[in-house]
N, C-alpha and C. Protein backbone atom coordinates (compact mmCIF):
# COMPACT_ATOMS: atom_id res chain seq x y z
N MET A 1 0.82 -1.19 0.00
CA MET A 1 0.00 0.00 0.00
C MET A 1 0.87 1.26 0.00
N LYS A 2 1.96 1.24 0.78
CA LYS A 2 2.86 2.39 0.83
C LYS A 2 3.49 2.63 -0.52
N HIS A 3 3.82 1.57 -1.23
CA HIS A 3 4.44 1.73 -2.53
C HIS A 3 3.48 2.34 -3.55
N ILE A 4 2.22 2.02 -3.45
CA ILE A 4 1.22 2.56 -4.37
C ILE A 4 1.06 4.07 -4.13
N VAL A 5 1.06 4.49 -2.86
CA VAL A 5 0.92 5.90 -2.53
C VAL A 5 2.14 6.67 -3.03
N LYS A 6 3.33 6.14 -2.79
CA LYS A 6 4.54 6.80 -3.26
C LYS A 6 4.56 6.88 -4.78
N LEU A 7 4.11 5.81 -5.43
CA LEU A 7 4.08 5.80 -6.88
C LEU A 7 3.08 6.84 -7.42
N ALA A 8 1.93 6.94 -6.77
CA ALA A 8 0.92 7.91 -7.20
C ALA A 8 1.43 9.34 -7.01
N ILE A 9 2.11 9.58 -5.91
CA ILE A 9 2.66 10.92 -5.65
C ILE A 9 3.73 11.26 -6.68
N SER A 10 4.62 10.32 -6.95
CA SER A 10 5.69 10.60 -7.91
C SER A 10 5.12 10.80 -9.32
N VAL A 11 4.09 10.04 -9.70
CA VAL A 11 3.47 10.23 -11.02
C VAL A 11 2.81 11.61 -11.08
N GLY A 12 2.16 12.02 -9.99
CA GLY A 12 1.53 13.33 -9.96
C GLY A 12 2.55 14.46 -10.09
N VAL A 13 3.67 14.34 -9.38
CA VAL A 13 4.73 15.35 -9.44
C VAL A 13 5.32 15.40 -10.84
N MET A 14 5.53 14.25 -11.45
CA MET A 14 6.09 14.23 -12.80
C MET A 14 5.11 14.85 -13.80
N ALA A 15 3.82 14.62 -13.61
CA ALA A 15 2.82 15.20 -14.52
C ALA A 15 2.83 16.73 -14.40
N ILE A 16 2.95 17.22 -13.18
CA ILE A 16 2.99 18.67 -12.98
C ILE A 16 4.24 19.26 -13.61
N LEU A 17 5.38 18.62 -13.41
CA LEU A 17 6.63 19.11 -13.99
C LEU A 17 6.59 19.08 -15.52
N CYS A 18 6.07 18.01 -16.08
CA CYS A 18 5.98 17.93 -17.55
C CYS A 18 5.04 18.98 -18.10
N GLY A 19 3.95 19.22 -17.39
CA GLY A 19 2.99 20.24 -17.84
C GLY A 19 3.62 21.62 -17.81
N SER A 20 4.37 21.92 -16.75
CA SER A 20 4.99 23.25 -16.68
C SER A 20 6.10 23.40 -17.70
N LEU A 21 6.86 22.34 -17.96
CA LEU A 21 7.90 22.42 -18.98
C LEU A 21 7.30 22.58 -20.37
N ALA A 22 6.19 21.89 -20.61
CA ALA A 22 5.54 22.01 -21.91
C ALA A 22 4.99 23.42 -22.12
N ALA A 23 4.52 24.01 -21.05
CA ALA A 23 3.99 25.37 -21.16
C ALA A 23 5.10 26.38 -21.41
N GLN A 24 6.30 26.09 -20.88
CA GLN A 24 7.42 27.02 -21.04
C GLN A 24 8.19 26.79 -22.33
N ALA A 25 8.05 25.63 -22.93
CA ALA A 25 8.80 25.32 -24.14
C ALA A 25 8.30 26.19 -25.29
N PRO A 26 9.22 26.67 -26.13
CA PRO A 26 8.80 27.50 -27.26
C PRO A 26 8.07 26.66 -28.29
N ASP A 27 7.08 27.26 -28.88
CA ASP A 27 6.30 26.60 -29.92
C ASP A 27 7.14 26.57 -31.20
N SER A 28 7.07 25.46 -31.94
CA SER A 28 7.89 25.36 -33.16
C SER A 28 7.46 26.38 -34.21
N SER A 29 6.15 26.67 -34.28
CA SER A 29 5.71 27.66 -35.26
C SER A 29 6.16 29.06 -34.83
N ALA A 30 6.21 29.31 -33.53
CA ALA A 30 6.68 30.60 -33.05
C ALA A 30 8.17 30.74 -33.30
N ALA A 31 8.92 29.63 -33.23
CA ALA A 31 10.35 29.68 -33.49
C ALA A 31 10.62 30.01 -34.95
N GLN A 32 9.77 29.51 -35.85
CA GLN A 32 9.97 29.81 -37.26
C GLN A 32 9.57 31.25 -37.57
N ALA A 33 8.56 31.76 -36.88
CA ALA A 33 8.08 33.12 -37.14
C ALA A 33 8.96 34.17 -36.49
N GLN A 34 9.77 33.75 -35.54
CA GLN A 34 10.58 34.73 -34.79
C GLN A 34 11.60 35.46 -35.68
N PRO A 35 12.34 34.81 -36.56
CA PRO A 35 13.26 35.57 -37.40
C PRO A 35 12.54 36.58 -38.28
N ASP A 36 11.36 36.21 -38.77
CA ASP A 36 10.61 37.14 -39.60
C ASP A 36 10.19 38.38 -38.81
N SER A 37 9.71 38.16 -37.59
CA SER A 37 9.27 39.30 -36.79
C SER A 37 10.46 40.15 -36.36
N ALA A 38 11.62 39.53 -36.15
CA ALA A 38 12.80 40.29 -35.77
C ALA A 38 13.25 41.20 -36.91
N SER A 39 13.16 40.70 -38.13
CA SER A 39 13.57 41.54 -39.27
C SER A 39 12.57 42.67 -39.47
N LYS A 40 11.28 42.40 -39.22
CA LYS A 40 10.27 43.47 -39.33
C LYS A 40 10.49 44.53 -38.27
N LYS A 41 10.83 44.09 -37.06
CA LYS A 41 11.08 45.04 -35.98
C LYS A 41 12.29 45.92 -36.31
N ALA A 42 13.30 45.33 -36.91
CA ALA A 42 14.49 46.10 -37.27
C ALA A 42 14.15 47.16 -38.30
N LEU A 43 13.25 46.83 -39.23
CA LEU A 43 12.87 47.80 -40.24
C LEU A 43 11.99 48.91 -39.66
N LYS A 44 11.15 48.52 -38.71
CA LYS A 44 10.20 49.49 -38.15
C LYS A 44 10.76 50.28 -36.98
N SER A 45 11.93 49.95 -36.51
CA SER A 45 12.44 50.62 -35.31
C SER A 45 12.66 52.10 -35.59
N LYS A 46 12.35 52.87 -34.60
CA LYS A 46 12.47 54.32 -34.73
C LYS A 46 13.90 54.76 -34.41
N ALA A 47 14.24 55.90 -34.93
CA ALA A 47 15.55 56.45 -34.60
C ALA A 47 15.52 56.88 -33.14
N LYS A 48 16.62 56.69 -32.48
CA LYS A 48 16.67 57.06 -31.06
C LYS A 48 16.61 58.56 -30.92
N LYS A 49 15.94 58.99 -29.88
CA LYS A 49 15.76 60.42 -29.61
C LYS A 49 17.07 60.97 -29.05
N THR A 50 17.53 62.01 -29.66
CA THR A 50 18.71 62.69 -29.17
C THR A 50 18.26 63.99 -28.54
N TRP A 51 18.55 64.14 -27.28
CA TRP A 51 18.13 65.34 -26.55
C TRP A 51 19.07 66.49 -26.85
N THR A 52 18.48 67.61 -27.12
CA THR A 52 19.26 68.82 -27.35
C THR A 52 18.85 69.85 -26.32
N ASP A 53 19.52 70.99 -26.34
CA ASP A 53 19.17 72.05 -25.39
C ASP A 53 17.75 72.54 -25.61
N ASP A 54 17.27 72.47 -26.84
CA ASP A 54 15.91 72.90 -27.14
C ASP A 54 14.89 72.04 -26.40
N ASP A 55 15.17 70.75 -26.26
CA ASP A 55 14.25 69.83 -25.63
C ASP A 55 14.27 69.95 -24.10
N MET A 56 15.29 70.50 -23.53
CA MET A 56 15.44 70.53 -22.08
C MET A 56 14.45 71.49 -21.41
N GLY A 57 13.90 72.42 -22.15
CA GLY A 57 12.96 73.36 -21.56
C GLY A 57 11.72 72.67 -21.03
N SER A 58 11.33 71.57 -21.66
CA SER A 58 10.16 70.85 -21.20
C SER A 58 10.42 70.08 -19.91
N LEU A 59 11.66 69.93 -19.53
CA LEU A 59 12.00 69.19 -18.33
C LEU A 59 12.21 70.09 -17.11
N ARG A 60 11.94 71.33 -17.25
CA ARG A 60 12.16 72.27 -16.15
C ARG A 60 11.14 72.03 -15.05
N THR A 61 11.58 72.20 -13.84
CA THR A 61 10.71 72.02 -12.69
C THR A 61 10.41 73.37 -12.06
N PRO A 62 9.42 73.45 -11.18
CA PRO A 62 9.16 74.71 -10.49
C PRO A 62 10.37 75.19 -9.68
N ALA A 63 11.16 74.26 -9.20
CA ALA A 63 12.36 74.65 -8.45
C ALA A 63 13.35 75.37 -9.36
N ASP A 64 13.44 74.91 -10.62
CA ASP A 64 14.32 75.58 -11.57
C ASP A 64 13.84 77.00 -11.85
N ALA A 65 12.55 77.16 -12.01
CA ALA A 65 11.99 78.49 -12.26
C ALA A 65 12.24 79.41 -11.06
N TYR A 66 12.10 78.87 -9.87
CA TYR A 66 12.35 79.66 -8.66
C TYR A 66 13.81 80.08 -8.58
N ARG A 67 14.70 79.14 -8.88
CA ARG A 67 16.13 79.45 -8.83
C ARG A 67 16.47 80.53 -9.86
N ASP A 68 15.92 80.40 -11.07
CA ASP A 68 16.18 81.40 -12.10
C ASP A 68 15.65 82.76 -11.70
N GLN A 69 14.50 82.79 -11.08
CA GLN A 69 13.91 84.07 -10.65
C GLN A 69 14.76 84.70 -9.56
N LYS A 70 15.31 83.89 -8.67
CA LYS A 70 16.15 84.41 -7.60
C LYS A 70 17.45 84.99 -8.16
N GLN A 71 17.92 84.44 -9.28
CA GLN A 71 19.17 84.90 -9.85
C GLN A 71 19.01 86.20 -10.64
N LEU A 72 17.79 86.55 -11.02
CA LEU A 72 17.55 87.79 -11.74
C LEU A 72 17.84 88.98 -10.83
N ASP A 73 18.01 90.10 -11.44
CA ASP A 73 18.21 91.33 -10.69
C ASP A 73 16.97 91.61 -9.84
N PRO A 74 17.11 91.99 -8.57
CA PRO A 74 15.94 92.24 -7.72
C PRO A 74 14.99 93.28 -8.30
N GLN A 75 15.52 94.27 -9.01
CA GLN A 75 14.65 95.29 -9.58
C GLN A 75 13.83 94.70 -10.73
N GLN A 76 14.44 93.81 -11.54
CA GLN A 76 13.72 93.16 -12.61
C GLN A 76 12.64 92.24 -12.05
N THR A 77 12.95 91.59 -10.96
CA THR A 77 11.99 90.69 -10.33
C THR A 77 10.79 91.46 -9.83
N ALA A 78 11.01 92.65 -9.30
CA ALA A 78 9.90 93.45 -8.79
C ALA A 78 9.02 93.95 -9.93
N ASN A 79 9.61 94.23 -11.08
CA ASN A 79 8.85 94.75 -12.21
C ASN A 79 8.21 93.64 -13.06
N ALA A 80 8.76 92.43 -12.99
CA ALA A 80 8.26 91.34 -13.82
C ALA A 80 6.94 90.84 -13.25
N PRO A 81 5.99 90.50 -14.13
CA PRO A 81 4.72 89.96 -13.64
C PRO A 81 4.93 88.55 -13.10
N ASN A 82 4.19 88.22 -12.07
CA ASN A 82 4.30 86.91 -11.46
C ASN A 82 3.51 85.91 -12.30
N SER A 83 4.18 84.88 -12.77
CA SER A 83 3.52 83.91 -13.64
C SER A 83 2.57 83.01 -12.85
N ALA A 84 2.73 82.93 -11.53
CA ALA A 84 1.86 82.08 -10.73
C ALA A 84 0.49 82.71 -10.54
N GLN A 85 0.39 84.04 -10.64
CA GLN A 85 -0.89 84.69 -10.46
C GLN A 85 -1.63 84.75 -11.79
N PRO A 86 -2.93 84.48 -11.78
CA PRO A 86 -3.68 84.54 -13.03
C PRO A 86 -3.81 85.99 -13.51
N SER A 87 -3.79 86.16 -14.80
CA SER A 87 -3.91 87.50 -15.35
C SER A 87 -5.37 87.94 -15.35
N ALA A 88 -5.58 89.21 -15.62
CA ALA A 88 -6.94 89.75 -15.64
C ALA A 88 -7.74 89.16 -16.80
N ASN A 89 -7.04 88.74 -17.85
CA ASN A 89 -7.72 88.15 -19.00
C ASN A 89 -8.29 86.76 -18.68
N GLN A 90 -7.72 86.12 -17.69
CA GLN A 90 -8.17 84.79 -17.31
C GLN A 90 -9.22 84.90 -16.20
N ALA A 91 -10.27 85.63 -16.46
CA ALA A 91 -11.31 85.85 -15.46
C ALA A 91 -12.01 84.53 -15.15
N ARG A 92 -12.34 84.37 -13.89
CA ARG A 92 -12.99 83.15 -13.45
C ARG A 92 -14.47 83.21 -13.80
N THR A 93 -14.97 82.13 -14.33
CA THR A 93 -16.38 82.08 -14.68
C THR A 93 -17.20 81.74 -13.45
N ASP A 94 -18.50 81.99 -13.51
CA ASP A 94 -19.37 81.71 -12.38
C ASP A 94 -19.87 80.27 -12.39
N LYS A 95 -19.50 79.52 -13.38
CA LYS A 95 -19.93 78.13 -13.45
C LYS A 95 -19.21 77.32 -12.37
N PRO A 96 -19.94 76.45 -11.67
CA PRO A 96 -19.30 75.67 -10.62
C PRO A 96 -18.36 74.62 -11.20
N PRO A 97 -17.44 74.12 -10.40
CA PRO A 97 -16.54 73.07 -10.88
C PRO A 97 -17.34 71.83 -11.28
N LYS A 98 -16.75 71.01 -12.13
CA LYS A 98 -17.45 69.84 -12.63
C LYS A 98 -17.85 68.86 -11.52
N LEU A 99 -17.08 68.79 -10.46
CA LEU A 99 -17.41 67.88 -9.39
C LEU A 99 -18.64 68.32 -8.62
N SER A 100 -19.00 69.59 -8.69
CA SER A 100 -20.21 70.04 -8.01
C SER A 100 -21.25 70.49 -9.02
N ASP A 101 -21.27 69.83 -10.16
CA ASP A 101 -22.23 70.14 -11.21
C ASP A 101 -23.09 68.91 -11.45
N PRO A 102 -24.16 68.74 -10.65
CA PRO A 102 -24.96 67.52 -10.75
C PRO A 102 -25.74 67.46 -12.05
N LYS A 103 -25.94 66.25 -12.53
CA LYS A 103 -26.70 66.04 -13.77
C LYS A 103 -28.12 65.56 -13.48
N THR A 104 -28.34 64.99 -12.30
CA THR A 104 -29.66 64.51 -11.92
C THR A 104 -30.01 65.02 -10.54
N VAL A 105 -31.29 64.91 -10.19
CA VAL A 105 -31.74 65.33 -8.86
C VAL A 105 -31.11 64.43 -7.80
N GLU A 106 -30.99 63.14 -8.08
CA GLU A 106 -30.40 62.21 -7.12
C GLU A 106 -28.94 62.56 -6.83
N SER A 107 -28.19 62.88 -7.88
CA SER A 107 -26.78 63.25 -7.67
C SER A 107 -26.69 64.57 -6.92
N ALA A 108 -27.63 65.48 -7.17
CA ALA A 108 -27.65 66.75 -6.42
C ALA A 108 -27.92 66.48 -4.95
N ASP A 109 -28.86 65.56 -4.66
CA ASP A 109 -29.15 65.21 -3.26
C ASP A 109 -27.92 64.63 -2.57
N LYS A 110 -27.20 63.77 -3.28
CA LYS A 110 -25.98 63.18 -2.71
C LYS A 110 -24.93 64.25 -2.43
N MET A 111 -24.78 65.18 -3.37
CA MET A 111 -23.79 66.25 -3.19
C MET A 111 -24.18 67.18 -2.05
N ILE A 112 -25.46 67.47 -1.93
CA ILE A 112 -25.93 68.33 -0.84
C ILE A 112 -25.71 67.63 0.49
N ALA A 113 -26.01 66.34 0.56
CA ALA A 113 -25.78 65.59 1.80
C ALA A 113 -24.30 65.58 2.16
N TRP A 114 -23.44 65.44 1.16
CA TRP A 114 -22.00 65.46 1.43
C TRP A 114 -21.59 66.83 1.97
N GLU A 115 -22.09 67.88 1.37
CA GLU A 115 -21.76 69.24 1.83
C GLU A 115 -22.24 69.45 3.26
N GLU A 116 -23.42 68.92 3.59
CA GLU A 116 -23.95 69.04 4.95
C GLU A 116 -23.03 68.33 5.95
N ARG A 117 -22.57 67.13 5.59
CA ARG A 117 -21.65 66.40 6.47
C ARG A 117 -20.34 67.17 6.61
N ASP A 118 -19.88 67.75 5.51
CA ASP A 118 -18.64 68.53 5.53
C ASP A 118 -18.78 69.74 6.45
N ILE A 119 -19.90 70.44 6.35
CA ILE A 119 -20.12 71.61 7.19
C ILE A 119 -20.18 71.20 8.66
N ALA A 120 -20.86 70.11 8.95
CA ALA A 120 -20.96 69.64 10.33
C ALA A 120 -19.59 69.30 10.90
N ALA A 121 -18.77 68.63 10.10
CA ALA A 121 -17.43 68.27 10.56
C ALA A 121 -16.57 69.51 10.78
N GLN A 122 -16.67 70.47 9.88
CA GLN A 122 -15.89 71.69 10.02
C GLN A 122 -16.34 72.50 11.23
N GLU A 123 -17.65 72.55 11.48
CA GLU A 123 -18.15 73.26 12.66
C GLU A 123 -17.69 72.57 13.94
N GLU A 124 -17.65 71.24 13.92
CA GLU A 124 -17.15 70.49 15.07
C GLU A 124 -15.67 70.81 15.31
N PHE A 125 -14.90 70.92 14.25
CA PHE A 125 -13.49 71.25 14.38
C PHE A 125 -13.31 72.66 14.96
N VAL A 126 -14.12 73.61 14.50
CA VAL A 126 -14.04 74.98 15.03
C VAL A 126 -14.41 75.00 16.51
N ALA A 127 -15.40 74.20 16.88
CA ALA A 127 -15.79 74.13 18.30
C ALA A 127 -14.63 73.60 19.14
N LYS A 128 -13.92 72.60 18.65
CA LYS A 128 -12.76 72.07 19.37
C LYS A 128 -11.66 73.12 19.47
N LEU A 129 -11.46 73.88 18.38
CA LEU A 129 -10.45 74.94 18.41
C LEU A 129 -10.82 76.01 19.45
N ARG A 130 -12.10 76.35 19.52
CA ARG A 130 -12.54 77.35 20.50
C ARG A 130 -12.34 76.86 21.92
N SER A 131 -12.59 75.58 22.16
CA SER A 131 -12.36 75.04 23.51
C SER A 131 -10.87 75.02 23.84
N ARG A 132 -10.04 74.76 22.83
CA ARG A 132 -8.59 74.82 23.06
C ARG A 132 -8.14 76.26 23.29
N LEU A 133 -8.83 77.20 22.64
CA LEU A 133 -8.46 78.61 22.75
C LEU A 133 -8.65 79.10 24.19
N ASP A 134 -9.68 78.60 24.85
CA ASP A 134 -9.94 79.03 26.23
C ASP A 134 -8.81 78.65 27.18
N SER A 135 -8.17 77.51 26.94
CA SER A 135 -7.11 77.06 27.83
C SER A 135 -5.72 77.17 27.20
N ALA A 136 -5.60 77.90 26.10
CA ALA A 136 -4.33 77.98 25.38
C ALA A 136 -3.38 78.98 26.04
N ALA A 137 -2.12 78.73 25.82
CA ALA A 137 -1.08 79.65 26.29
C ALA A 137 -1.14 80.92 25.44
N PRO A 138 -0.69 82.04 25.98
CA PRO A 138 -0.77 83.31 25.23
C PRO A 138 -0.06 83.27 23.87
N GLU A 139 1.05 82.57 23.76
CA GLU A 139 1.76 82.53 22.47
C GLU A 139 1.03 81.66 21.44
N GLU A 140 0.20 80.75 21.90
CA GLU A 140 -0.56 79.89 20.99
C GLU A 140 -1.91 80.49 20.63
N ARG A 141 -2.37 81.43 21.40
CA ARG A 141 -3.69 82.04 21.22
C ARG A 141 -3.84 82.70 19.83
N ALA A 142 -2.85 83.47 19.43
CA ALA A 142 -2.93 84.18 18.15
C ALA A 142 -3.06 83.18 16.99
N HIS A 143 -2.28 82.11 17.07
CA HIS A 143 -2.35 81.09 16.02
C HIS A 143 -3.74 80.44 15.97
N LEU A 144 -4.28 80.12 17.14
CA LEU A 144 -5.60 79.49 17.18
C LEU A 144 -6.69 80.43 16.68
N GLU A 145 -6.58 81.71 17.02
CA GLU A 145 -7.56 82.69 16.55
C GLU A 145 -7.52 82.80 15.03
N ASP A 146 -6.31 82.84 14.47
CA ASP A 146 -6.16 82.89 13.01
C ASP A 146 -6.74 81.63 12.36
N LEU A 147 -6.50 80.50 12.99
CA LEU A 147 -7.00 79.24 12.45
C LEU A 147 -8.53 79.19 12.50
N ILE A 148 -9.11 79.72 13.57
CA ILE A 148 -10.56 79.75 13.68
C ILE A 148 -11.16 80.65 12.59
N VAL A 149 -10.56 81.82 12.37
CA VAL A 149 -11.04 82.73 11.34
C VAL A 149 -10.96 82.07 9.97
N GLU A 150 -9.84 81.39 9.70
CA GLU A 150 -9.65 80.71 8.42
C GLU A 150 -10.70 79.62 8.22
N ARG A 151 -10.93 78.82 9.26
CA ARG A 151 -11.91 77.73 9.17
C ARG A 151 -13.33 78.26 9.00
N GLU A 152 -13.63 79.40 9.61
CA GLU A 152 -14.97 79.99 9.46
C GLU A 152 -15.19 80.47 8.02
N LYS A 153 -14.12 80.96 7.40
CA LYS A 153 -14.22 81.35 5.99
C LYS A 153 -14.49 80.12 5.12
N VAL A 154 -13.81 79.02 5.44
CA VAL A 154 -14.02 77.78 4.70
C VAL A 154 -15.46 77.30 4.87
N ILE A 155 -15.98 77.41 6.09
CA ILE A 155 -17.36 77.01 6.34
C ILE A 155 -18.32 77.87 5.52
N ALA A 156 -18.05 79.17 5.48
CA ALA A 156 -18.91 80.07 4.69
C ALA A 156 -18.86 79.70 3.21
N ASP A 157 -17.68 79.40 2.70
CA ASP A 157 -17.55 78.99 1.30
C ASP A 157 -18.30 77.68 1.04
N THR A 158 -18.21 76.76 1.98
CA THR A 158 -18.89 75.47 1.83
C THR A 158 -20.41 75.68 1.85
N ARG A 159 -20.87 76.57 2.68
CA ARG A 159 -22.31 76.87 2.70
C ARG A 159 -22.76 77.47 1.38
N LYS A 160 -21.92 78.33 0.79
CA LYS A 160 -22.26 78.90 -0.52
C LYS A 160 -22.34 77.79 -1.57
N GLU A 161 -21.39 76.85 -1.51
CA GLU A 161 -21.42 75.73 -2.45
C GLU A 161 -22.70 74.92 -2.27
N ARG A 162 -23.07 74.67 -1.01
CA ARG A 162 -24.29 73.92 -0.74
C ARG A 162 -25.52 74.66 -1.27
N ASP A 163 -25.55 75.98 -1.04
CA ASP A 163 -26.68 76.78 -1.54
C ASP A 163 -26.73 76.75 -3.07
N GLY A 164 -25.57 76.76 -3.71
CA GLY A 164 -25.54 76.65 -5.17
C GLY A 164 -26.06 75.30 -5.64
N LEU A 165 -25.72 74.24 -4.89
CA LEU A 165 -26.21 72.91 -5.23
C LEU A 165 -27.72 72.83 -5.05
N VAL A 166 -28.24 73.49 -4.01
CA VAL A 166 -29.69 73.49 -3.80
C VAL A 166 -30.38 74.19 -4.97
N ALA A 167 -29.80 75.30 -5.43
CA ALA A 167 -30.37 76.01 -6.58
C ALA A 167 -30.31 75.14 -7.84
N GLN A 168 -29.20 74.44 -8.03
CA GLN A 168 -29.07 73.55 -9.19
C GLN A 168 -30.08 72.40 -9.10
N LYS A 169 -30.31 71.92 -7.88
CA LYS A 169 -31.28 70.84 -7.69
C LYS A 169 -32.67 71.32 -8.09
N LYS A 170 -33.03 72.54 -7.67
CA LYS A 170 -34.34 73.08 -8.02
C LYS A 170 -34.49 73.21 -9.54
N ALA A 171 -33.43 73.67 -10.19
CA ALA A 171 -33.48 73.79 -11.65
C ALA A 171 -33.63 72.42 -12.30
N LEU A 172 -32.94 71.43 -11.77
CA LEU A 172 -33.06 70.07 -12.31
C LEU A 172 -34.46 69.51 -12.09
N GLU A 173 -35.05 69.82 -10.93
CA GLU A 173 -36.41 69.36 -10.66
C GLU A 173 -37.39 69.99 -11.65
N LYS A 174 -37.20 71.28 -11.96
CA LYS A 174 -38.06 71.96 -12.93
C LYS A 174 -37.92 71.31 -14.31
N LYS A 175 -36.68 70.99 -14.69
CA LYS A 175 -36.45 70.35 -15.99
C LYS A 175 -37.13 68.99 -16.05
N GLU A 176 -37.03 68.23 -14.94
CA GLU A 176 -37.64 66.90 -14.92
C GLU A 176 -39.15 66.99 -15.00
N THR A 177 -39.74 67.92 -14.25
CA THR A 177 -41.19 68.05 -14.31
C THR A 177 -41.64 68.52 -15.69
N ALA A 178 -40.88 69.41 -16.31
CA ALA A 178 -41.22 69.86 -17.66
C ALA A 178 -41.10 68.71 -18.66
N ALA A 179 -40.07 67.90 -18.49
CA ALA A 179 -39.88 66.75 -19.39
C ALA A 179 -40.99 65.72 -19.19
N LYS A 180 -41.40 65.51 -17.95
CA LYS A 180 -42.49 64.55 -17.68
C LYS A 180 -43.81 65.05 -18.23
N SER A 181 -44.07 66.34 -18.08
CA SER A 181 -45.32 66.88 -18.60
C SER A 181 -45.32 66.87 -20.13
N ALA A 182 -44.18 67.11 -20.74
CA ALA A 182 -44.08 67.05 -22.20
C ALA A 182 -44.26 65.62 -22.69
N ALA A 183 -43.77 64.66 -21.93
CA ALA A 183 -43.93 63.26 -22.31
C ALA A 183 -45.37 62.81 -22.10
N ALA A 184 -46.03 63.36 -21.09
CA ALA A 184 -47.42 62.98 -20.82
C ALA A 184 -48.36 63.60 -21.85
N ASN A 185 -48.05 64.78 -22.36
CA ASN A 185 -48.89 65.47 -23.34
C ASN A 185 -48.13 65.67 -24.66
N PRO A 186 -47.95 64.61 -25.43
CA PRO A 186 -47.17 64.76 -26.67
C PRO A 186 -47.92 65.52 -27.75
N ASN A 187 -49.24 65.65 -27.65
CA ASN A 187 -50.02 66.34 -28.68
C ASN A 187 -49.93 67.85 -28.58
N GLN A 188 -49.52 68.38 -27.49
CA GLN A 188 -49.52 69.83 -27.30
C GLN A 188 -48.29 70.47 -27.83
């Protein structure tokens, strides 16, 4: 009985090894096609890219721009326009960002609920900051007050976003009701 078990195990191991070797062995048709594909690849290969000084401008980093600006004459730097600031020609539109531009009433509801949770969390954070402010050291007080003012501005902005979403939801509801009434009365 022991010999039969050992024999069965060894046959199983050999079958696994043969199967894996067969899977790894190159196919004879692939071996014949390989020289043809190699010659095609040689014909189709592109010329290697040679980098020149002209191409290096695309590799510049913000650190490089900062270093170059620091090396300029201080008077030129004061007179030069700051490229990080948007120009007057690039006026911001009143359209909301795409992430807060719902397409359906359901998506507007989800976005409004998210904004509500965000406002609640931010108000909770401000409440914690105020409680820390009461027991804060004098040197930390100014920082906490500035942080509270900053967070309150963020809360106000978030409320404006929520109000904008509510207005968009109302407009979407009007569109849906108009579309439903038009579908219900196709003769009119």
